Amino acid sequence: MSNKSRPDKVLRRRSPFQSRLRNYFLTGVIVTAPIAITIYLTWSFIEWVDEVVIPLVPLAYRPESLLPFSVPGLGVVVAVIGLTLIGALTANLLGRTIVRAGERLVDQMPVIRGIYNVFKQIFETLLKDTSDSFKYAALVEYPRRDLYTIGFVAGDTRGEVVRQTGKNLVSVYVPTTPNPSSGFILFIPREDVLILDMTVEQAMKYVVSVGVVVPPDTKVTPLNEIEKQFEQDAETRRRSA
């Protein structure tokens, strides 16, 4: 072989020690990064709530009036208690009447109406128990054949839709990403709906994360089990020989 046919640069392979150090470092990043980011965001949220809520508390009732230091998280506690009381008050007839009157007033404001409705739908979707709304997560071909998307089965289609089509249809909600509060309701023949093994909550996380958070496939055999079976088969062949 001539020198011209050889590559100008030869890639050096990492030593086992270097590969081990690299794997240890990446494993450390994978373990600590989510924890650190979660702690940072949580602490930032607590500080922000404290800055907003604590000024609303009378000075005589603040811990710093009795203690030589401030108590972090007091604003969060006050906010949780306040939101719980608001929820309890709006649960009765008088509270619901006041909320409906406020929503009618907001609906008359062109710009504010759109902002309010969007955030209301988002929070209702995130805080609502999705298991009560949908029965299964499913895979459907949408918007055309050979393109698949995740949908949520709401139940069997009934009424005029079934009478007009004469087909056994299933009502499937196909959400948009990353905001699942908007989407499409599709009436699909039952044989075209592939029910998934993942739960509704796992599928919702899959959609919201834009496909980053992939639910585990419980039906796939782990690699160590496959290797163990391969070794057992090889040992059986050696003994039989």
Protein backbone atom coordinates (compact mmCIF):
# COMPACT_ATOMS: atom_id res chain seq x y z
CA MET A 1 0.00 0.00 0.00
CA SER A 2 1.46 3.40 -0.99
CA ASN A 3 1.75 6.32 1.40
CA LYS A 4 -0.79 8.29 -0.62
CA SER A 5 -3.51 5.76 0.17
CA ARG A 6 -2.94 6.13 3.90
CA PRO A 7 -4.92 8.76 5.79
CA ASP A 8 -2.98 11.87 6.75
CA LYS A 9 -4.04 11.57 10.37
CA VAL A 10 -4.50 8.43 12.38
CA LEU A 11 -7.12 8.69 15.10
CA ARG A 12 -5.74 7.55 18.43
CA ARG A 13 -8.01 5.39 20.48
CA ARG A 14 -8.59 6.35 24.08
CA SER A 15 -6.96 4.19 26.68
CA PRO A 16 -9.26 2.19 28.97
CA PHE A 17 -8.35 4.52 31.82
CA GLN A 18 -9.31 7.62 29.80
CA SER A 19 -12.58 6.02 28.67
CA ARG A 20 -13.39 5.09 32.26
CA LEU A 21 -12.72 8.64 33.47
CA ARG A 22 -14.86 10.05 30.66
CA ASN A 23 -17.73 7.71 31.51
CA TYR A 24 -17.45 8.59 35.20
CA PHE A 25 -17.56 12.30 34.37
CA LEU A 26 -20.59 11.98 32.09
CA THR A 27 -22.37 9.83 34.67
CA GLY A 28 -21.68 12.47 37.32
CA VAL A 29 -23.14 15.16 35.06
CA ILE A 30 -26.24 13.08 34.33
CA VAL A 31 -26.82 12.44 38.05
CA THR A 32 -26.07 15.89 39.45
CA ALA A 33 -27.33 18.21 36.69
CA PRO A 34 -31.07 17.46 37.12
CA ILE A 35 -30.73 17.70 40.92
CA ALA A 36 -28.81 21.00 40.74
CA ILE A 37 -31.21 22.54 38.22
CA THR A 38 -34.23 21.42 40.27
CA ILE A 39 -32.78 22.89 43.47
CA TYR A 40 -31.86 26.14 41.71
CA LEU A 41 -35.28 26.59 40.10
CA THR A 42 -37.10 25.66 43.32
CA TRP A 43 -35.04 28.06 45.42
CA SER A 44 -35.47 30.84 42.84
CA PHE A 45 -39.22 30.27 42.88
CA ILE A 46 -39.31 30.39 46.70
CA GLU A 47 -37.33 33.65 46.74
CA TRP A 48 -39.61 35.18 44.10
CA VAL A 49 -42.78 34.20 46.01
CA ASP A 50 -41.29 35.57 49.24
CA GLU A 51 -40.53 38.91 47.56
CA VAL A 52 -44.11 39.15 46.27
CA VAL A 53 -46.11 37.79 49.24
CA ILE A 54 -44.19 38.80 52.37
CA PRO A 55 -44.74 42.56 51.84
CA LEU A 56 -48.47 41.80 52.00
CA VAL A 57 -48.13 40.29 55.49
CA PRO A 58 -48.37 42.82 58.37
CA LEU A 59 -45.01 43.49 59.97
CA ALA A 60 -46.21 42.32 63.39
CA TYR A 61 -46.88 38.83 62.01
CA ARG A 62 -43.56 38.39 60.23
CA PRO A 63 -40.96 36.07 61.82
CA GLU A 64 -38.21 38.71 61.56
CA SER A 65 -40.15 40.85 64.03
CA LEU A 66 -39.63 38.12 66.65
CA LEU A 67 -36.48 36.43 65.37
CA PRO A 68 -33.10 37.94 64.46
CA PHE A 69 -33.27 36.34 61.01
CA SER A 70 -35.79 35.92 58.20
CA VAL A 71 -37.46 32.59 57.47
CA PRO A 72 -37.18 31.56 53.81
CA GLY A 73 -40.30 30.00 52.36
CA LEU A 74 -42.76 31.97 54.46
CA GLY A 75 -44.22 33.49 51.33
CA VAL A 76 -44.82 30.03 49.87
CA VAL A 77 -46.65 28.91 53.02
CA VAL A 78 -48.81 32.05 52.99
CA ALA A 79 -49.50 31.61 49.26
CA VAL A 80 -50.51 27.96 49.70
CA ILE A 81 -52.86 28.83 52.56
CA GLY A 82 -54.31 31.75 50.60
CA LEU A 83 -54.87 29.69 47.43
CA THR A 84 -56.51 26.93 49.47
CA LEU A 85 -58.88 29.43 51.06
CA ILE A 86 -59.71 30.93 47.65
CA GLY A 87 -60.41 27.43 46.30
CA ALA A 88 -62.67 26.68 49.25
CA LEU A 89 -64.57 29.94 48.82
CA THR A 90 -65.08 29.47 45.07
CA ALA A 91 -66.35 25.91 45.59
CA ASN A 92 -69.70 27.14 46.94
CA LEU A 93 -72.53 28.74 44.98
CA LEU A 94 -71.62 32.34 45.86
CA GLY A 95 -67.98 31.82 44.88
CA ARG A 96 -68.89 30.22 41.54
CA THR A 97 -71.25 33.09 40.81
CA ILE A 98 -68.48 35.64 41.46
CA VAL A 99 -66.03 33.70 39.26
CA ARG A 100 -68.53 33.47 36.39
CA ALA A 101 -69.23 37.19 36.66
CA GLY A 102 -65.50 37.91 36.54
CA GLU A 103 -65.05 35.66 33.50
CA ARG A 104 -67.92 37.41 31.69
CA LEU A 105 -66.20 40.73 32.38
CA VAL A 106 -62.89 39.39 31.03
CA ASP A 107 -64.63 38.03 27.90
CA GLN A 108 -65.54 41.62 26.97
CA MET A 109 -61.86 42.65 26.82
CA PRO A 110 -60.42 41.69 23.40
CA VAL A 111 -56.71 41.24 24.25
CA ILE A 112 -57.01 40.20 27.89
CA ARG A 113 -59.67 37.64 26.96
CA GLY A 114 -57.26 35.69 24.73
CA ILE A 115 -54.44 35.73 27.29
CA TYR A 116 -56.73 34.61 30.11
CA ASN A 117 -58.29 31.76 28.12
CA VAL A 118 -54.91 30.41 27.01
CA PHE A 119 -53.44 30.32 30.52
CA LYS A 120 -56.67 28.95 31.98
CA GLN A 121 -56.62 26.02 29.53
CA ILE A 122 -52.93 25.34 30.20
CA PHE A 123 -53.32 25.24 33.98
CA GLU A 124 -56.51 23.18 33.79
CA THR A 125 -54.67 20.64 31.60
CA LEU A 126 -51.54 20.49 33.78
CA LEU A 127 -53.34 20.32 37.13
CA LYS A 128 -56.21 18.09 36.08
CA ASP A 129 -55.99 14.34 36.59
CA THR A 130 -55.72 13.16 33.00
CA SER A 131 -56.62 9.60 33.97
CA ASP A 132 -60.20 10.77 34.56
CA SER A 133 -60.44 12.33 31.08
CA PHE A 134 -58.85 9.66 28.87
CA LYS A 135 -58.87 5.89 29.04
CA TYR A 136 -55.83 4.92 26.99
CA ALA A 137 -52.87 6.32 25.13
CA ALA A 138 -52.90 5.27 21.50
CA LEU A 139 -50.94 5.53 18.28
CA VAL A 140 -52.85 6.79 15.24
CA GLU A 141 -51.89 7.66 11.69
CA TYR A 142 -52.22 11.43 11.40
CA PRO A 143 -52.26 13.67 9.38
CA ARG A 144 -51.81 10.98 6.71
CA ARG A 145 -50.92 7.33 6.30
CA ASP A 146 -47.46 6.22 7.53
CA LEU A 147 -47.16 9.28 9.80
CA TYR A 148 -47.85 8.43 13.43
CA THR A 149 -48.75 10.54 16.41
CA ILE A 150 -49.83 9.93 19.99
CA GLY A 151 -53.49 10.37 20.82
CA PHE A 152 -55.69 9.83 23.86
CA VAL A 153 -58.75 7.64 23.64
CA ALA A 154 -61.76 9.36 25.20
CA GLY A 155 -64.17 6.47 24.52
CA ASP A 156 -66.47 5.05 21.91
CA THR A 157 -68.03 7.52 19.50
CA ARG A 158 -71.79 7.78 19.84
CA GLY A 159 -74.71 9.73 18.43
CA GLU A 160 -75.17 11.20 14.98
CA VAL A 161 -71.53 10.77 13.97
CA VAL A 162 -71.86 6.98 14.16
CA ARG A 163 -75.30 7.03 12.52
CA GLN A 164 -74.10 9.11 9.57
CA THR A 165 -70.92 7.10 8.97
CA GLY A 166 -72.23 3.66 9.86
CA LYS A 167 -68.81 2.71 11.28
CA ASN A 168 -67.49 1.56 14.64
CA LEU A 169 -65.57 4.70 15.60
CA VAL A 170 -63.41 5.70 18.56
CA SER A 171 -63.05 9.30 19.78
CA VAL A 172 -59.34 10.15 19.97
CA TYR A 173 -57.90 13.46 21.12
CA VAL A 174 -54.65 14.39 19.36
CA PRO A 175 -52.85 17.15 21.30
CA THR A 176 -50.45 19.72 19.92
CA THR A 177 -46.87 19.94 21.21
CA PRO A 178 -45.75 21.26 23.64
CA ASN A 179 -49.13 22.69 24.71
CA PRO A 180 -51.53 19.74 25.05
CA SER A 181 -54.47 21.98 25.95
CA SER A 182 -55.08 22.54 22.23
CA GLY A 183 -55.49 19.80 19.67
CA PHE A 184 -57.93 17.89 17.49
CA ILE A 185 -60.73 15.44 18.19
CA LEU A 186 -60.64 12.65 15.61
CA PHE A 187 -63.23 9.95 15.01
CA ILE A 188 -61.18 6.96 13.88
CA PRO A 189 -62.24 3.40 13.01
CA ARG A 190 -61.46 1.09 15.91
CA GLU A 191 -59.17 -1.12 13.83
CA ASP A 192 -56.96 1.88 13.00
CA VAL A 193 -56.27 2.74 16.66
CA LEU A 194 -53.22 1.05 18.19
CA ILE A 195 -53.49 1.04 22.00
CA LEU A 196 -50.12 1.62 23.69
CA ASP A 197 -48.84 -0.03 26.86
CA MET A 198 -47.66 3.31 28.32
CA THR A 199 -49.98 5.08 30.73
CA VAL A 200 -51.85 8.27 29.92
CA GLU A 201 -49.53 10.22 32.25
CA GLN A 202 -46.42 8.84 30.53
CA ALA A 203 -47.81 9.66 27.10
CA MET A 204 -48.68 13.20 28.22
CA LYS A 205 -45.10 13.72 29.41
CA TYR A 206 -43.91 12.35 26.07
CA VAL A 207 -45.98 14.96 24.23
CA VAL A 208 -45.15 17.91 26.50
CA SER A 209 -41.39 17.16 26.37
CA VAL A 210 -41.46 17.17 22.54
CA GLY A 211 -40.40 13.52 22.51
CA VAL A 212 -37.44 13.98 24.85
CA VAL A 213 -38.88 12.11 27.85
CA VAL A 214 -39.42 8.64 26.34
CA PRO A 215 -41.46 6.22 28.49
CA PRO A 216 -39.70 2.89 29.12
CA ASP A 217 -40.78 -0.04 26.97
CA THR A 218 -41.69 -2.72 29.50
CA LYS A 219 -42.05 -5.40 26.80
CA VAL A 220 -38.41 -5.14 25.62
CA THR A 221 -36.08 -7.73 27.13
CA PRO A 222 -33.11 -6.09 28.92
CA LEU A 223 -29.71 -6.55 27.29
CA ASN A 224 -28.27 -8.42 30.27
CA GLU A 225 -31.09 -10.95 30.04
CA ILE A 226 -30.36 -11.46 26.33
CA GLU A 227 -26.64 -11.95 27.02
CA LYS A 228 -27.42 -14.40 29.84
CA GLN A 229 -29.67 -16.44 27.55
CA PHE A 230 -26.99 -16.42 24.84
CA GLU A 231 -24.39 -17.74 27.30
CA GLN A 232 -26.76 -20.45 28.49
CA ASP A 233 -27.42 -21.56 24.91
CA ALA A 234 -23.68 -21.63 24.16
CA GLU A 235 -23.02 -23.70 27.30
CA THR A 236 -25.78 -26.12 26.31
CA ARG A 237 -24.25 -26.57 22.84
CA ARG A 238 -20.80 -27.22 24.34
CA ARG A 239 -22.15 -29.88 26.67
CA SER A 240 -24.09 -31.58 23.91
CA ALA A 241 -20.98 -31.64 21.71
